[in-house]
Amino acid sequence: MKLWKMISRFEADETGAVTVDWVVLTASVCGLVALAMAGIKGNMTSIGQKTEQFLTAQTINTTF
């Protein structure tokens, strides 16, 4: 009987449940951010290269 009481008390205990929820939520947000960064990594490199080419081709007029 004592074992049954201990099992039912353990089953009803909800301490730490909010912590587990936050850990799962934080892990999923971090995973989504990592996935998004991996997806745009290649595009960011090409945008940087195009910007460099554009700025290199510009001339600055120094005569007034």
PDB file of N, CA and C in Angstrom:
ATOM      1  N   MET A   1       0.816  -1.192   0.000  1.00  0.00           N
ATOM      2  CA  MET A   1       0.000   0.000   0.000  1.00  0.00           C
ATOM      3  C   MET A   1       0.861   1.259   0.000  1.00  0.00           C
ATOM      4  N   LYS A   2       1.973   1.199   0.716  1.00  0.00           N
ATOM      5  CA  LYS A   2       2.855   2.355   0.776  1.00  0.00           C
ATOM      6  C   LYS A   2       3.460   2.659  -0.598  1.00  0.00           C
ATOM      7  N   LEU A   3       3.790   1.615  -1.326  1.00  0.00           N
ATOM      8  CA  LEU A   3       4.343   1.797  -2.673  1.00  0.00           C
ATOM      9  C   LEU A   3       3.318   2.444  -3.592  1.00  0.00           C
ATOM     10  N   TRP A   4       2.065   1.998  -3.495  1.00  0.00           N
ATOM     11  CA  TRP A   4       0.995   2.573  -4.321  1.00  0.00           C
ATOM     12  C   TRP A   4       0.813   4.058  -4.028  1.00  0.00           C
ATOM     13  N   LYS A   5       0.899   4.444  -2.750  1.00  0.00           N
ATOM     14  CA  LYS A   5       0.760   5.834  -2.348  1.00  0.00           C
ATOM     15  C   LYS A   5       1.921   6.671  -2.895  1.00  0.00           C
ATOM     16  N   MET A   6       3.132   6.109  -2.851  1.00  0.00           N
ATOM     17  CA  MET A   6       4.313   6.809  -3.352  1.00  0.00           C
ATOM     18  C   MET A   6       4.217   7.004  -4.870  1.00  0.00           C
ATOM     19  N   ILE A   7       3.733   6.009  -5.573  1.00  0.00           N
ATOM     20  CA  ILE A   7       3.588   6.104  -7.030  1.00  0.00           C
ATOM     21  C   ILE A   7       2.545   7.146  -7.395  1.00  0.00           C
ATOM     22  N   SER A   8       1.419   7.154  -6.698  1.00  0.00           N
ATOM     23  CA  SER A   8       0.380   8.137  -7.017  1.00  0.00           C
ATOM     24  C   SER A   8       0.829   9.555  -6.667  1.00  0.00           C
ATOM     25  N   ARG A   9       1.612   9.721  -5.587  1.00  0.00           N
ATOM     26  CA  ARG A   9       2.144  11.033  -5.238  1.00  0.00           C
ATOM     27  C   ARG A   9       3.131  11.512  -6.314  1.00  0.00           C
ATOM     28  N   PHE A  10       3.980  10.591  -6.782  1.00  0.00           N
ATOM     29  CA  PHE A  10       4.932  10.931  -7.843  1.00  0.00           C
ATOM     30  C   PHE A  10       4.204  11.325  -9.127  1.00  0.00           C
ATOM     31  N   GLU A  11       3.153  10.619  -9.444  1.00  0.00           N
ATOM     32  CA  GLU A  11       2.370  10.881 -10.645  1.00  0.00           C
ATOM     33  C   GLU A  11       1.675  12.243 -10.592  1.00  0.00           C
ATOM     34  N   ALA A  12       1.243  12.666  -9.401  1.00  0.00           N
ATOM     35  CA  ALA A  12       0.531  13.935  -9.239  1.00  0.00           C
ATOM     36  C   ALA A  12       1.471  15.129  -9.115  1.00  0.00           C
ATOM     37  N   ASP A  13       2.749  14.879  -8.855  1.00  0.00           N
ATOM     38  CA  ASP A  13       3.708  15.964  -8.652  1.00  0.00           C
ATOM     39  C   ASP A  13       3.998  16.660  -9.980  1.00  0.00           C
ATOM     40  N   GLU A  14       3.819  17.971 -10.015  1.00  0.00           N
ATOM     41  CA  GLU A  14       4.035  18.733 -11.249  1.00  0.00           C
ATOM     42  C   GLU A  14       5.193  19.714 -11.139  1.00  0.00           C
ATOM     43  N   THR A  15       6.007  19.588 -10.119  1.00  0.00           N
ATOM     44  CA  THR A  15       7.140  20.497  -9.985  1.00  0.00           C
ATOM     45  C   THR A  15       8.123  20.262 -11.125  1.00  0.00           C
ATOM     46  N   GLY A  16       8.562  21.317 -11.718  1.00  0.00           N
ATOM     47  CA  GLY A  16       9.506  21.231 -12.822  1.00  0.00           C
ATOM     48  C   GLY A  16       8.847  21.144 -14.183  1.00  0.00           C
ATOM     49  N   ALA A  17       7.542  21.038 -14.247  1.00  0.00           N
ATOM     50  CA  ALA A  17       6.862  20.905 -15.538  1.00  0.00           C
ATOM     51  C   ALA A  17       7.032  22.163 -16.382  1.00  0.00           C
ATOM     52  N   VAL A  18       6.989  23.320 -15.739  1.00  0.00           N
ATOM     53  CA  VAL A  18       7.167  24.580 -16.476  1.00  0.00           C
ATOM     54  C   VAL A  18       8.587  24.673 -17.007  1.00  0.00           C
ATOM     55  N   THR A  19       9.545  24.221 -16.225  1.00  0.00           N
ATOM     56  CA  THR A  19      10.938  24.236 -16.671  1.00  0.00           C
ATOM     57  C   THR A  19      11.116  23.379 -17.911  1.00  0.00           C
ATOM     58  N   VAL A  20      10.523  22.220 -17.918  1.00  0.00           N
ATOM     59  CA  VAL A  20      10.617  21.337 -19.077  1.00  0.00           C
ATOM     60  C   VAL A  20       9.984  22.006 -20.295  1.00  0.00           C
ATOM     61  N   ASP A  21       8.849  22.657 -20.108  1.00  0.00           N
ATOM     62  CA  ASP A  21       8.205  23.363 -21.216  1.00  0.00           C
ATOM     63  C   ASP A  21       9.124  24.440 -21.790  1.00  0.00           C
ATOM     64  N   TRP A  22       9.748  25.210 -20.919  1.00  0.00           N
ATOM     65  CA  TRP A  22      10.648  26.276 -21.385  1.00  0.00           C
ATOM     66  C   TRP A  22      11.881  25.714 -22.077  1.00  0.00           C
ATOM     67  N   VAL A  23      12.403  24.624 -21.585  1.00  0.00           N
ATOM     68  CA  VAL A  23      13.571  24.002 -22.223  1.00  0.00           C
ATOM     69  C   VAL A  23      13.207  23.532 -23.626  1.00  0.00           C
ATOM     70  N   VAL A  24      12.064  22.898 -23.776  1.00  0.00           N
ATOM     71  CA  VAL A  24      11.623  22.422 -25.091  1.00  0.00           C
ATOM     72  C   VAL A  24      11.377  23.607 -26.027  1.00  0.00           C
ATOM     73  N   LEU A  25      10.719  24.652 -25.520  1.00  0.00           N
ATOM     74  CA  LEU A  25      10.445  25.839 -26.334  1.00  0.00           C
ATOM     75  C   LEU A  25      11.738  26.517 -26.771  1.00  0.00           C
ATOM     76  N   THR A  26      12.679  26.680 -25.855  1.00  0.00           N
ATOM     77  CA  THR A  26      13.951  27.320 -26.177  1.00  0.00           C
ATOM     78  C   THR A  26      14.747  26.489 -27.182  1.00  0.00           C
ATOM     79  N   ALA A  27      14.746  25.190 -27.013  1.00  0.00           N
ATOM     80  CA  ALA A  27      15.471  24.320 -27.945  1.00  0.00           C
ATOM     81  C   ALA A  27      14.865  24.397 -29.340  1.00  0.00           C
ATOM     82  N   SER A  28      13.534  24.468 -29.433  1.00  0.00           N
ATOM     83  CA  SER A  28      12.930  24.564 -30.759  1.00  0.00           C
ATOM     84  C   SER A  28      13.201  25.910 -31.408  1.00  0.00           C
ATOM     85  N   VAL A  29      13.220  26.975 -30.639  1.00  0.00           N
ATOM     86  CA  VAL A  29      13.542  28.290 -31.209  1.00  0.00           C
ATOM     87  C   VAL A  29      14.992  28.310 -31.694  1.00  0.00           C
ATOM     88  N   CYS A  30      15.897  27.766 -30.905  1.00  0.00           N
ATOM     89  CA  CYS A  30      17.307  27.704 -31.328  1.00  0.00           C
ATOM     90  C   CYS A  30      17.469  26.857 -32.589  1.00  0.00           C
ATOM     91  N   GLY A  31      16.742  25.765 -32.663  1.00  0.00           N
ATOM     92  CA  GLY A  31      16.797  24.918 -33.856  1.00  0.00           C
ATOM     93  C   GLY A  31      16.278  25.629 -35.093  1.00  0.00           C
ATOM     94  N   LEU A  32      15.187  26.376 -34.934  1.00  0.00           N
ATOM     95  CA  LEU A  32      14.643  27.131 -36.073  1.00  0.00           C
ATOM     96  C   LEU A  32      15.597  28.227 -36.526  1.00  0.00           C
ATOM     97  N   VAL A  33      16.240  28.893 -35.579  1.00  0.00           N
ATOM     98  CA  VAL A  33      17.210  29.935 -35.936  1.00  0.00           C
ATOM     99  C   VAL A  33      18.392  29.318 -36.677  1.00  0.00           C
ATOM    100  N   ALA A  34      18.888  28.199 -36.197  1.00  0.00           N
ATOM    101  CA  ALA A  34      20.004  27.524 -36.872  1.00  0.00           C
ATOM    102  C   ALA A  34      19.609  27.081 -38.277  1.00  0.00           C
ATOM    103  N   LEU A  35      18.402  26.596 -38.428  1.00  0.00           N
ATOM    104  CA  LEU A  35      17.920  26.179 -39.737  1.00  0.00           C
ATOM    105  C   LEU A  35      17.796  27.372 -40.681  1.00  0.00           C
ATOM    106  N   ALA A  36      17.288  28.483 -40.180  1.00  0.00           N
ATOM    107  CA  ALA A  36      17.150  29.685 -41.007  1.00  0.00           C
ATOM    108  C   ALA A  36      18.519  30.227 -41.414  1.00  0.00           C
ATOM    109  N   MET A  37      19.459  30.226 -40.486  1.00  0.00           N
ATOM    110  CA  MET A  37      20.801  30.723 -40.804  1.00  0.00           C
ATOM    111  C   MET A  37      21.480  29.836 -41.851  1.00  0.00           C
ATOM    112  N   ALA A  38      21.276  28.540 -41.758  1.00  0.00           N
ATOM    113  CA  ALA A  38      21.865  27.633 -42.746  1.00  0.00           C
ATOM    114  C   ALA A  38      21.240  27.864 -44.116  1.00  0.00           C
ATOM    115  N   GLY A  39      19.958  28.209 -44.138  1.00  0.00           N
ATOM    116  CA  GLY A  39      19.277  28.435 -45.413  1.00  0.00           C
ATOM    117  C   GLY A  39      19.701  29.702 -46.125  1.00  0.00           C
ATOM    118  N   ILE A  40      20.029  30.760 -45.377  1.00  0.00           N
ATOM    119  CA  ILE A  40      20.384  32.027 -46.037  1.00  0.00           C
ATOM    120  C   ILE A  40      21.887  32.259 -46.101  1.00  0.00           C
ATOM    121  N   LYS A  41      22.677  31.303 -45.637  1.00  0.00           N
ATOM    122  CA  LYS A  41      24.132  31.472 -45.624  1.00  0.00           C
ATOM    123  C   LYS A  41      24.684  31.720 -47.030  1.00  0.00           C
ATOM    124  N   GLY A  42      24.280  30.914 -47.985  1.00  0.00           N
ATOM    125  CA  GLY A  42      24.774  31.059 -49.351  1.00  0.00           C
ATOM    126  C   GLY A  42      24.320  32.360 -49.987  1.00  0.00           C
ATOM    127  N   ASN A  43      23.086  32.763 -49.742  1.00  0.00           N
ATOM    128  CA  ASN A  43      22.580  34.003 -50.320  1.00  0.00           C
ATOM    129  C   ASN A  43      23.301  35.216 -49.760  1.00  0.00           C
ATOM    130  N   MET A  44      23.667  35.194 -48.496  1.00  0.00           N
ATOM    131  CA  MET A  44      24.361  36.329 -47.899  1.00  0.00           C
ATOM    132  C   MET A  44      25.739  36.513 -48.520  1.00  0.00           C
ATOM    133  N   THR A  45      26.396  35.421 -48.858  1.00  0.00           N
ATOM    134  CA  THR A  45      27.709  35.507 -49.492  1.00  0.00           C
ATOM    135  C   THR A  45      27.590  36.156 -50.867  1.00  0.00           C
ATOM    136  N   SER A  46      26.606  35.767 -51.652  1.00  0.00           N
ATOM    137  CA  SER A  46      26.456  36.339 -52.986  1.00  0.00           C
ATOM    138  C   SER A  46      26.045  37.810 -52.914  1.00  0.00           C
ATOM    139  N   ILE A  47      25.232  38.185 -51.935  1.00  0.00           N
ATOM    140  CA  ILE A  47      24.861  39.588 -51.771  1.00  0.00           C
ATOM    141  C   ILE A  47      26.091  40.416 -51.419  1.00  0.00           C
ATOM    142  N   GLY A  48      26.946  39.887 -50.550  1.00  0.00           N
ATOM    143  CA  GLY A  48      28.175  40.588 -50.181  1.00  0.00           C
ATOM    144  C   GLY A  48      29.106  40.761 -51.371  1.00  0.00           C
ATOM    145  N   GLN A  49      29.212  39.737 -52.201  1.00  0.00           N
ATOM    146  CA  GLN A  49      30.074  39.822 -53.379  1.00  0.00           C
ATOM    147  C   GLN A  49      29.528  40.834 -54.378  1.00  0.00           C
ATOM    148  N   LYS A  50      28.213  40.860 -54.584  1.00  0.00           N
ATOM    149  CA  LYS A  50      27.613  41.819 -55.510  1.00  0.00           C
ATOM    150  C   LYS A  50      27.791  43.248 -55.007  1.00  0.00           C
ATOM    151  N   THR A  51      27.671  43.430 -53.697  1.00  0.00           N
ATOM    152  CA  THR A  51      27.874  44.757 -53.117  1.00  0.00           C
ATOM    153  C   THR A  51      29.321  45.200 -53.307  1.00  0.00           C
ATOM    154  N   GLU A  52      30.252  44.283 -53.091  1.00  0.00           N
ATOM    155  CA  GLU A  52      31.664  44.609 -53.282  1.00  0.00           C
ATOM    156  C   GLU A  52      31.936  45.005 -54.734  1.00  0.00           C
ATOM    157  N   GLN A  53      31.394  44.264 -55.690  1.00  0.00           N
ATOM    158  CA  GLN A  53      31.599  44.583 -57.101  1.00  0.00           C
ATOM    159  C   GLN A  53      31.019  45.953 -57.452  1.00  0.00           C
ATOM    160  N   PHE A  54      29.844  46.246 -56.923  1.00  0.00           N
ATOM    161  CA  PHE A  54      29.212  47.537 -57.197  1.00  0.00           C
ATOM    162  C   PHE A  54      30.040  48.685 -56.627  1.00  0.00           C
ATOM    163  N   LEU A  55      30.482  48.548 -55.390  1.00  0.00           N
ATOM    164  CA  LEU A  55      31.251  49.628 -54.767  1.00  0.00           C
ATOM    165  C   LEU A  55      32.627  49.790 -55.395  1.00  0.00           C
ATOM    166  N   THR A  56      33.223  48.704 -55.842  1.00  0.00           N
ATOM    167  CA  THR A  56      34.525  48.778 -56.493  1.00  0.00           C
ATOM    168  C   THR A  56      34.419  49.498 -57.839  1.00  0.00           C
ATOM    169  N   ALA A  57      33.308  49.341 -58.524  1.00  0.00           N
ATOM    170  CA  ALA A  57      33.139  49.953 -59.848  1.00  0.00           C
ATOM    171  C   ALA A  57      32.825  51.439 -59.768  1.00  0.00           C
ATOM    172  N   GLN A  58      32.483  51.954 -58.602  1.00  0.00           N
ATOM    173  CA  GLN A  58      32.112  53.372 -58.464  1.00  0.00           C
ATOM    174  C   GLN A  58      33.350  54.262 -58.463  1.00  0.00           C
ATOM    175  N   THR A  59      33.218  55.441 -58.993  1.00  0.00           N
ATOM    176  CA  THR A  59      34.298  56.426 -58.964  1.00  0.00           C
ATOM    177  C   THR A  59      33.810  57.639 -58.166  1.00  0.00           C
ATOM    178  N   ILE A  60      34.759  58.267 -57.513  1.00  0.00           N
ATOM    179  CA  ILE A  60      34.442  59.439 -56.716  1.00  0.00           C
ATOM    180  C   ILE A  60      34.999  60.660 -57.439  1.00  0.00           C
ATOM    181  N   ASN A  61      34.121  61.616 -57.740  1.00  0.00           N
ATOM    182  CA  ASN A  61      34.522  62.828 -58.412  1.00  0.00           C
ATOM    183  C   ASN A  61      35.099  63.783 -57.368  1.00  0.00           C
ATOM    184  N   THR A  62      36.380  64.121 -57.532  1.00  0.00           N
ATOM    185  CA  THR A  62      37.030  64.998 -56.553  1.00  0.00           C
ATOM    186  C   THR A  62      37.222  66.406 -57.073  1.00  0.00           C
ATOM    187  N   THR A  63      36.792  66.686 -58.305  1.00  0.00           N
ATOM    188  CA  THR A  63      36.922  68.049 -58.826  1.00  0.00           C
ATOM    189  C   THR A  63      35.639  68.808 -58.531  1.00  0.00           C
ATOM    190  N   PHE A  64      35.804  70.041 -58.107  1.00  0.00           N
ATOM    191  CA  PHE A  64      34.658  70.866 -57.793  1.00  0.00           C
ATOM    192  C   PHE A  64      34.508  71.978 -58.751  1.00  0.00           C
TER     193      PHE A  64
END
